[in-house]
Every structure is written in structure tokens, then in C-alpha cells.
Amino acid sequence: MSKSRIHNAKPAIAAFLDDYPTGIFKPSDIATILAEQRSGWALAKGTGVQAFTDFLCNHAELAKLTFPFPYRSETRYTWGKVSLMQVLLSLKTGAYFSHLTAANMLGLVAQTPSTIYLNHEQRPQPQDPHLAQGRIDAAFARRPRASNNAIEFGAIQICMINGMHTNQMGVINKASRYDGDDQGVLRLTGLERTLIDMTVRPVYSGGVDTVRTAFELAQGALSVKILVDMLQKLKFVYPFHQSIGYYLERAGYAGASLDLLRRMPTEYDFYLEHQMQETRYEKGWRLHVPASW
């Protein structure tokens, strides 16, 4: 590498990256930029991608972030001030924040959680529509399935969820704060979708106590009609409407809102979460809930 050439080109490189549409780059983006701008910057032909990125990391504002997820490690480079949350959204096309992370951004969780949940939807999968009481009982007696595609990143954990295909239903763009800092405009599930997701997967949501509180804090902003419409479009096999109805009732929602849930079929006994030790039975919703409630 010719240090004199790349040092001479540094102001032009910096100006180019300052004007780039985004301050987040994949390794392939850096390679493309180098290939397209090499002659204009008068860089030596021997200046490779690694040498180029090393120079910018050591002598300019380029920073390298590595995310060693078990299923696939990802690397991103940032230029200038870019929030970690924006970088995380770049890891997968169409990714968005969900469950406890979205709840925090929507003001449904007061304390910043130590885990960030990033959702990347699966391709459409066929579902087995057959449901029987014995299958429900057996499934909820076991531990819930949970993603192990997670890493420790400084003081936080980042969990990549390979979520159900929803065609991005209920996902919004919102100027957001996380851990007290402005994060810019982020993609996350909106209020109704977040409450559905928390009900379906309390393991990603801080547990059922946190879910219950989220429903309470959502009063005044939540549209139960939108939630029910979304729930019907998602076509879950399990009767999660019974759990949602119970949460709404406990939170003191009006009878008209509850009627939207009560009109849905209630054919099976259901469970608020997996592996509950001591329970009591809510006959009106045919639902097993924690005994302490």
C-alpha cells in the first residue's frame, strides 16, 4: 500500500463517505466503493480492501462492528455517528425490533431490558390446522421454543428471532429512544402487533407479569378493533384470543372491547404461558393462569 497516496486521498474519501446515503456499510459495500472510486482517488492498484478499511479504521472515522451470531456471523462498518439499533436493522433485509424491545420503545416497559430482540421473518410455512386438547396440554407442559441465535455484545445480549411470516404486518417506522438515547427512525412493531407478539411469546417479553403490565399501560392508545383484526389475519393455530381477552379484562377494558374477543370461538382450555407450576382456571376465558393472580 502506498501510504502517501492514500494519505493524500483521505480528505476526498472522507468527503465521499460524509455524503453517502447511509453511514452503515457491509464489507461488500466497502469493496464496491473502492473499486468504483480507486482511479478518482488515485489509489495504488495494490491497495486492497483490507488495507483500505484498516487505514480508514486507524486514521479516519470508520469503525468495525462484528456480530458473531452462531448461525451466521455478520460484520458492519460505520462512518460517523450511527446508533447501534440502526446498525442492527441492517443485519437482515426487512428486520425489525419486536417483543420486549418494541414494548420498551412504545413506553410499555419502564426499565431498559438487557436483551435486544431483532426479528427476521421466515418464509411462509405450512401450518397444521388440526388442534386437540391433548396436543395443547402436551405442548404447554414443555419449555417454550426460544431462539439460541444470540450473542453477548458489551453489556447487552442481542437475540435474532426467526419469526413467523406476517408480511411485516403491523410494523412501523418510528423515531425512537432506547436506553435513554435517541436512536433515529427505527423499524419496530406497532402497539397492537407488539401486544399480540408479547402474548404469543412471553419468553421474549419479560414473562407474563410484564405482558400484563404492558396491556395496562396501553390503555388510551390501544385500538382493540385493530388488534382483533390483526389477530384474525395472523391465523394462529392456538387460541391466543383467549389470553388477550383475559389480559384486557384484567386491565379494565370496556365490555364492548371484550365482546370483540368473546365472539371468537372458545373451544379449548388454554394456557397463559408454558410450564406454569401452580395455576388457577379462568372459566370465562377457559384459561389457565398463574395461581398468584
Protein backbone atom coordinates (compact mmCIF):
# COMPACT_ATOMS: atom_id res chain seq x y z
CA MET A 1 0.00 0.00 0.00
CA SER A 2 1.31 3.45 -0.88
CA LYS A 3 0.83 5.44 2.30
CA SER A 4 1.47 8.72 0.54
CA ARG A 5 -1.32 8.13 -2.00
CA ILE A 6 -3.95 7.01 0.48
CA HIS A 7 -2.99 9.75 2.94
CA ASN A 8 -3.29 12.31 0.16
CA ALA A 9 -6.69 10.87 -0.76
CA LYS A 10 -8.01 10.88 2.81
CA PRO A 11 -9.88 14.25 2.56
CA ALA A 12 -11.61 13.14 -0.66
CA ILE A 13 -12.50 9.74 0.82
CA ALA A 14 -13.89 11.38 3.96
CA ALA A 15 -15.95 13.84 1.91
CA PHE A 16 -17.35 10.95 -0.17
CA LEU A 17 -18.33 8.94 2.91
CA ASP A 18 -19.80 12.04 4.58
CA ASP A 19 -22.17 12.41 1.62
CA TYR A 20 -23.02 8.70 1.33
CA PRO A 21 -26.77 7.99 1.78
CA THR A 22 -26.12 5.84 4.85
CA GLY A 23 -23.33 5.60 7.36
CA ILE A 24 -23.61 1.80 7.52
CA PHE A 25 -21.65 -0.46 5.19
CA LYS A 26 -21.38 -4.18 4.55
CA PRO A 27 -17.89 -5.43 3.67
CA SER A 28 -19.16 -5.80 0.09
CA ASP A 29 -20.18 -2.13 0.08
CA ILE A 30 -16.64 -1.09 1.01
CA ALA A 31 -15.25 -3.29 -1.78
CA THR A 32 -17.63 -1.73 -4.31
CA ILE A 33 -16.77 1.81 -3.24
CA LEU A 34 -13.05 1.10 -3.52
CA ALA A 35 -13.43 -0.44 -6.97
CA GLU A 36 -15.54 2.44 -8.27
CA GLN A 37 -13.52 5.28 -6.73
CA ARG A 38 -9.96 3.95 -6.89
CA SER A 39 -8.93 5.85 -10.00
CA GLY A 40 -10.61 9.08 -8.91
CA TRP A 41 -8.77 8.94 -5.61
CA ALA A 42 -5.51 7.97 -7.40
CA LEU A 43 -5.00 4.97 -5.15
CA ALA A 44 -2.38 2.38 -5.96
CA LYS A 45 -3.60 -0.77 -7.70
CA GLY A 46 -2.14 -2.78 -4.85
CA THR A 47 -4.37 -1.11 -2.26
CA GLY A 48 -6.72 -3.96 -1.37
CA VAL A 49 -10.00 -3.87 0.50
CA GLN A 50 -8.42 -4.98 3.79
CA ALA A 51 -5.68 -2.35 3.60
CA PHE A 52 -8.24 0.30 2.64
CA THR A 53 -10.57 -0.49 5.54
CA ASP A 54 -7.68 -0.83 8.01
CA PHE A 55 -6.42 2.62 7.02
CA LEU A 56 -9.86 4.21 7.48
CA CYS A 57 -10.36 2.47 10.82
CA ASN A 58 -6.95 3.55 12.10
CA HIS A 59 -6.71 7.03 10.59
CA ALA A 60 -10.32 8.16 9.99
CA GLU A 61 -13.84 7.68 11.37
CA LEU A 62 -14.59 4.21 10.03
CA ALA A 63 -15.47 1.73 12.78
CA LYS A 64 -15.81 -2.03 12.50
CA LEU A 65 -18.54 -3.93 14.35
CA THR A 66 -18.60 -7.72 14.44
CA PHE A 67 -21.69 -9.71 15.41
CA PRO A 68 -20.66 -13.37 15.80
CA PHE A 69 -24.12 -14.96 15.72
CA PRO A 70 -23.93 -18.77 15.93
CA TYR A 71 -25.86 -19.29 12.69
CA ARG A 72 -24.02 -16.62 10.70
CA SER A 73 -21.50 -14.03 11.79
CA GLU A 74 -22.08 -10.52 10.45
CA THR A 75 -19.71 -7.56 10.05
CA ARG A 76 -20.67 -3.94 9.54
CA TYR A 77 -18.66 -0.76 9.18
CA THR A 78 -19.97 2.62 10.30
CA TRP A 79 -18.92 6.12 9.36
CA GLY A 80 -19.70 8.97 11.71
CA LYS A 81 -22.46 8.91 14.28
CA VAL A 82 -24.69 5.88 13.76
CA SER A 83 -26.76 4.24 16.51
CA LEU A 84 -26.28 0.57 17.33
CA MET A 85 -30.01 0.00 16.77
CA GLN A 86 -29.75 1.29 13.21
CA VAL A 87 -26.78 -0.99 12.59
CA LEU A 88 -28.72 -3.99 13.88
CA LEU A 89 -31.55 -3.34 11.44
CA SER A 90 -29.02 -3.62 8.61
CA LEU A 91 -28.09 -7.19 9.54
CA LYS A 92 -31.09 -8.75 7.78
CA THR A 93 -33.27 -7.41 4.98
CA GLY A 94 -36.65 -6.47 6.42
CA ALA A 95 -35.53 -6.87 10.05
CA TYR A 96 -37.42 -5.05 12.80
CA PHE A 97 -37.46 -4.83 16.59
CA SER A 98 -40.17 -6.77 18.38
CA HIS A 99 -41.44 -8.14 21.69
CA LEU A 100 -39.77 -6.61 24.76
CA THR A 101 -37.59 -4.27 22.69
CA ALA A 102 -40.56 -2.82 20.80
CA ALA A 103 -42.51 -2.62 24.07
CA ASN A 104 -39.74 -0.52 25.59
CA MET A 105 -39.71 1.86 22.62
CA LEU A 106 -43.50 2.19 22.84
CA GLY A 107 -43.42 3.07 26.53
CA LEU A 108 -44.88 -0.23 27.72
CA VAL A 109 -41.78 -1.18 29.72
CA ALA A 110 -40.19 1.33 32.03
CA GLN A 111 -36.78 -0.21 32.56
CA THR A 112 -34.46 -0.81 29.60
CA PRO A 113 -34.18 -4.59 29.11
CA SER A 114 -30.76 -6.22 28.88
CA THR A 115 -31.71 -8.15 25.72
CA ILE A 116 -32.49 -6.65 22.32
CA TYR A 117 -34.90 -8.71 20.19
CA LEU A 118 -34.41 -8.38 16.44
CA ASN A 119 -37.00 -10.16 14.30
CA HIS A 120 -36.30 -11.57 10.85
CA GLU A 121 -39.33 -13.26 9.33
CA GLN A 122 -39.27 -16.76 7.89
CA ARG A 123 -40.59 -17.60 4.50
CA PRO A 124 -44.25 -18.69 4.57
CA GLN A 125 -44.56 -22.09 6.23
CA PRO A 126 -47.50 -24.52 6.05
CA GLN A 127 -49.34 -24.86 9.34
CA ASP A 128 -51.07 -27.90 10.76
CA PRO A 129 -54.61 -26.65 11.42
CA HIS A 130 -55.54 -29.70 13.47
CA LEU A 131 -55.97 -28.87 17.14
CA ALA A 132 -56.89 -31.14 20.02
CA GLN A 133 -56.96 -30.60 23.77
CA GLY A 134 -54.35 -33.26 24.38
CA ARG A 135 -51.92 -31.64 21.96
CA ILE A 136 -52.40 -28.24 23.62
CA ASP A 137 -51.85 -29.72 27.09
CA ALA A 138 -48.69 -31.54 25.99
CA ALA A 139 -47.25 -28.53 24.17
CA PHE A 140 -47.70 -26.14 27.08
CA ALA A 141 -46.34 -28.63 29.59
CA ARG A 142 -42.97 -28.34 27.81
CA ARG A 143 -40.50 -25.49 27.78
CA PRO A 144 -41.25 -22.86 25.14
CA ARG A 145 -39.18 -22.86 21.99
CA ALA A 146 -36.71 -19.99 22.01
CA SER A 147 -34.01 -18.80 19.67
CA ASN A 148 -30.41 -19.64 20.56
CA ASN A 149 -29.13 -17.37 17.80
CA ALA A 150 -27.95 -14.82 20.33
CA ILE A 151 -24.71 -13.09 21.26
CA GLU A 152 -23.30 -11.01 24.07
CA PHE A 153 -22.40 -7.54 22.80
CA GLY A 154 -20.81 -5.47 25.52
CA ALA A 155 -23.26 -5.25 28.41
CA ILE A 156 -26.26 -6.40 26.36
CA GLN A 157 -27.47 -9.53 24.64
CA ILE A 158 -28.74 -9.43 21.05
CA CYS A 159 -31.21 -12.16 20.11
CA MET A 160 -32.10 -12.79 16.47
CA ILE A 161 -35.61 -14.23 16.19
CA ASN A 162 -36.56 -16.15 13.07
CA GLY A 163 -40.18 -15.10 13.41
CA MET A 164 -43.37 -16.28 11.76
CA HIS A 165 -44.05 -14.87 8.31
CA THR A 166 -46.51 -11.98 8.65
CA ASN A 167 -45.60 -9.90 5.59
CA GLN A 168 -44.44 -7.20 8.04
CA MET A 169 -47.94 -6.83 9.47
CA GLY A 170 -48.15 -4.01 11.99
CA VAL A 171 -44.51 -2.95 11.52
CA ILE A 172 -43.97 0.81 11.69
CA ASN A 173 -41.19 3.35 11.28
CA LYS A 174 -40.84 5.46 14.41
CA ALA A 175 -38.38 7.98 15.82
CA SER A 176 -37.28 6.05 18.90
CA ARG A 177 -35.26 6.19 22.06
CA TYR A 178 -33.54 3.24 23.67
CA ASP A 179 -31.64 3.21 26.95
CA GLY A 180 -32.24 6.94 27.23
CA ASP A 181 -30.66 7.85 23.89
CA ASP A 182 -32.20 8.95 20.60
CA GLN A 183 -31.76 6.16 18.05
CA GLY A 184 -33.23 7.83 14.98
CA VAL A 185 -36.08 6.36 12.96
CA LEU A 186 -36.31 2.61 13.56
CA ARG A 187 -38.45 -0.25 12.29
CA LEU A 188 -40.45 -1.91 15.05
CA THR A 189 -43.81 -3.50 15.68
CA GLY A 190 -46.58 -1.04 16.45
CA LEU A 191 -48.69 -1.12 19.59
CA GLU A 192 -51.30 -3.71 18.60
CA ARG A 193 -48.81 -6.05 16.95
CA THR A 194 -46.45 -5.77 19.92
CA LEU A 195 -49.14 -6.78 22.40
CA ILE A 196 -50.06 -9.76 20.24
CA ASP A 197 -46.42 -10.84 19.98
CA MET A 198 -45.90 -10.47 23.73
CA THR A 199 -48.97 -12.62 24.41
CA VAL A 200 -47.84 -15.31 21.98
CA ARG A 201 -44.19 -15.36 23.12
CA PRO A 202 -43.86 -14.22 26.76
CA VAL A 203 -40.40 -15.84 26.74
CA TYR A 204 -39.25 -12.89 24.59
CA SER A 205 -41.32 -10.40 26.54
CA GLY A 206 -40.11 -10.46 30.12
CA GLY A 207 -42.70 -13.03 31.22
CA VAL A 208 -46.43 -12.82 31.77
CA ASP A 209 -46.16 -10.21 34.55
CA THR A 210 -44.53 -7.83 32.08
CA VAL A 211 -47.14 -8.65 29.44
CA ARG A 212 -49.93 -7.91 31.91
CA THR A 213 -48.38 -4.54 32.74
CA ALA A 214 -47.98 -3.72 29.04
CA PHE A 215 -51.73 -4.15 28.49
CA GLU A 216 -52.42 -1.88 31.45
CA LEU A 217 -50.06 0.83 30.18
CA ALA A 218 -51.50 0.63 26.66
CA GLN A 219 -54.91 1.92 27.76
CA GLY A 220 -55.91 5.08 25.97
CA ALA A 221 -53.69 4.30 22.96
CA LEU A 222 -54.68 0.73 22.09
CA SER A 223 -57.35 0.04 19.48
CA VAL A 224 -58.84 -3.32 20.38
CA LYS A 225 -60.57 -3.44 16.99
CA ILE A 226 -57.26 -3.09 15.16
CA LEU A 227 -55.73 -5.70 17.45
CA VAL A 228 -58.55 -8.18 16.80
CA ASP A 229 -58.46 -7.58 13.03
CA MET A 230 -54.72 -8.19 13.05
CA LEU A 231 -55.09 -11.30 15.22
CA GLN A 232 -57.60 -12.78 12.79
CA LYS A 233 -55.36 -12.10 9.81
CA LEU A 234 -52.39 -13.77 11.52
CA LYS A 235 -54.41 -17.01 11.75
CA PHE A 236 -52.68 -18.61 14.71
CA VAL A 237 -53.50 -22.25 15.31
CA TYR A 238 -53.62 -21.77 19.08
CA PRO A 239 -56.48 -19.71 20.57
CA PHE A 240 -54.40 -16.75 21.73
CA HIS A 241 -57.53 -14.59 21.66
CA GLN A 242 -58.45 -16.19 24.99
CA SER A 243 -55.22 -14.95 26.55
CA ILE A 244 -55.64 -11.48 25.04
CA GLY A 245 -59.22 -11.27 26.25
CA TYR A 246 -58.10 -12.16 29.76
CA TYR A 247 -55.32 -9.54 29.73
CA LEU A 248 -57.77 -6.90 28.52
CA GLU A 249 -60.32 -7.81 31.17
CA ARG A 250 -57.72 -7.66 33.94
CA ALA A 251 -56.56 -4.27 32.68
CA GLY A 252 -60.12 -2.92 32.92
CA TYR A 253 -61.01 -2.53 29.27
CA ALA A 254 -64.67 -1.82 28.48
CA GLY A 255 -67.22 -4.54 27.77
CA ALA A 256 -67.58 -3.61 24.09
CA SER A 257 -63.89 -4.23 23.58
CA LEU A 258 -64.09 -7.58 25.35
CA ASP A 259 -67.06 -8.60 23.22
CA LEU A 260 -64.82 -8.50 20.14
CA LEU A 261 -62.79 -11.32 21.72
CA ARG A 262 -65.73 -13.18 23.23
CA ARG A 263 -67.32 -13.56 19.79
CA MET A 264 -64.34 -15.63 18.66
CA PRO A 265 -64.61 -19.42 19.15
CA THR A 266 -63.64 -20.72 22.60
CA GLU A 267 -63.43 -24.46 22.08
CA TYR A 268 -60.42 -25.47 24.16
CA ASP A 269 -58.82 -24.92 27.52
CA PHE A 270 -55.70 -22.85 27.03
CA TYR A 271 -52.63 -21.64 28.95
CA LEU A 272 -51.23 -18.16 29.50
CA GLU A 273 -47.68 -19.49 29.17
CA HIS A 274 -45.65 -22.70 29.07
CA GLN A 275 -44.69 -24.75 32.11
CA MET A 276 -46.73 -22.91 34.73
CA GLN A 277 -46.23 -24.62 38.10
CA GLU A 278 -49.25 -23.51 40.12
CA THR A 279 -52.31 -22.33 38.24
CA ARG A 280 -55.93 -21.39 38.62
CA TYR A 281 -58.61 -21.68 35.98
CA GLU A 282 -60.42 -18.66 34.50
CA LYS A 283 -63.68 -20.24 33.36
CA GLY A 284 -64.86 -17.25 31.33
CA TRP A 285 -61.85 -17.49 29.05
CA ARG A 286 -61.18 -21.21 29.52
CA LEU A 287 -57.67 -20.22 30.51
CA HIS A 288 -55.09 -21.49 32.99
CA VAL A 289 -53.29 -18.54 34.62
CA PRO A 290 -50.74 -18.21 37.44
CA ALA A 291 -52.28 -19.10 40.79
CA SER A 292 -50.84 -15.92 42.33
CA TRP A 293 -53.02 -13.81 40.05
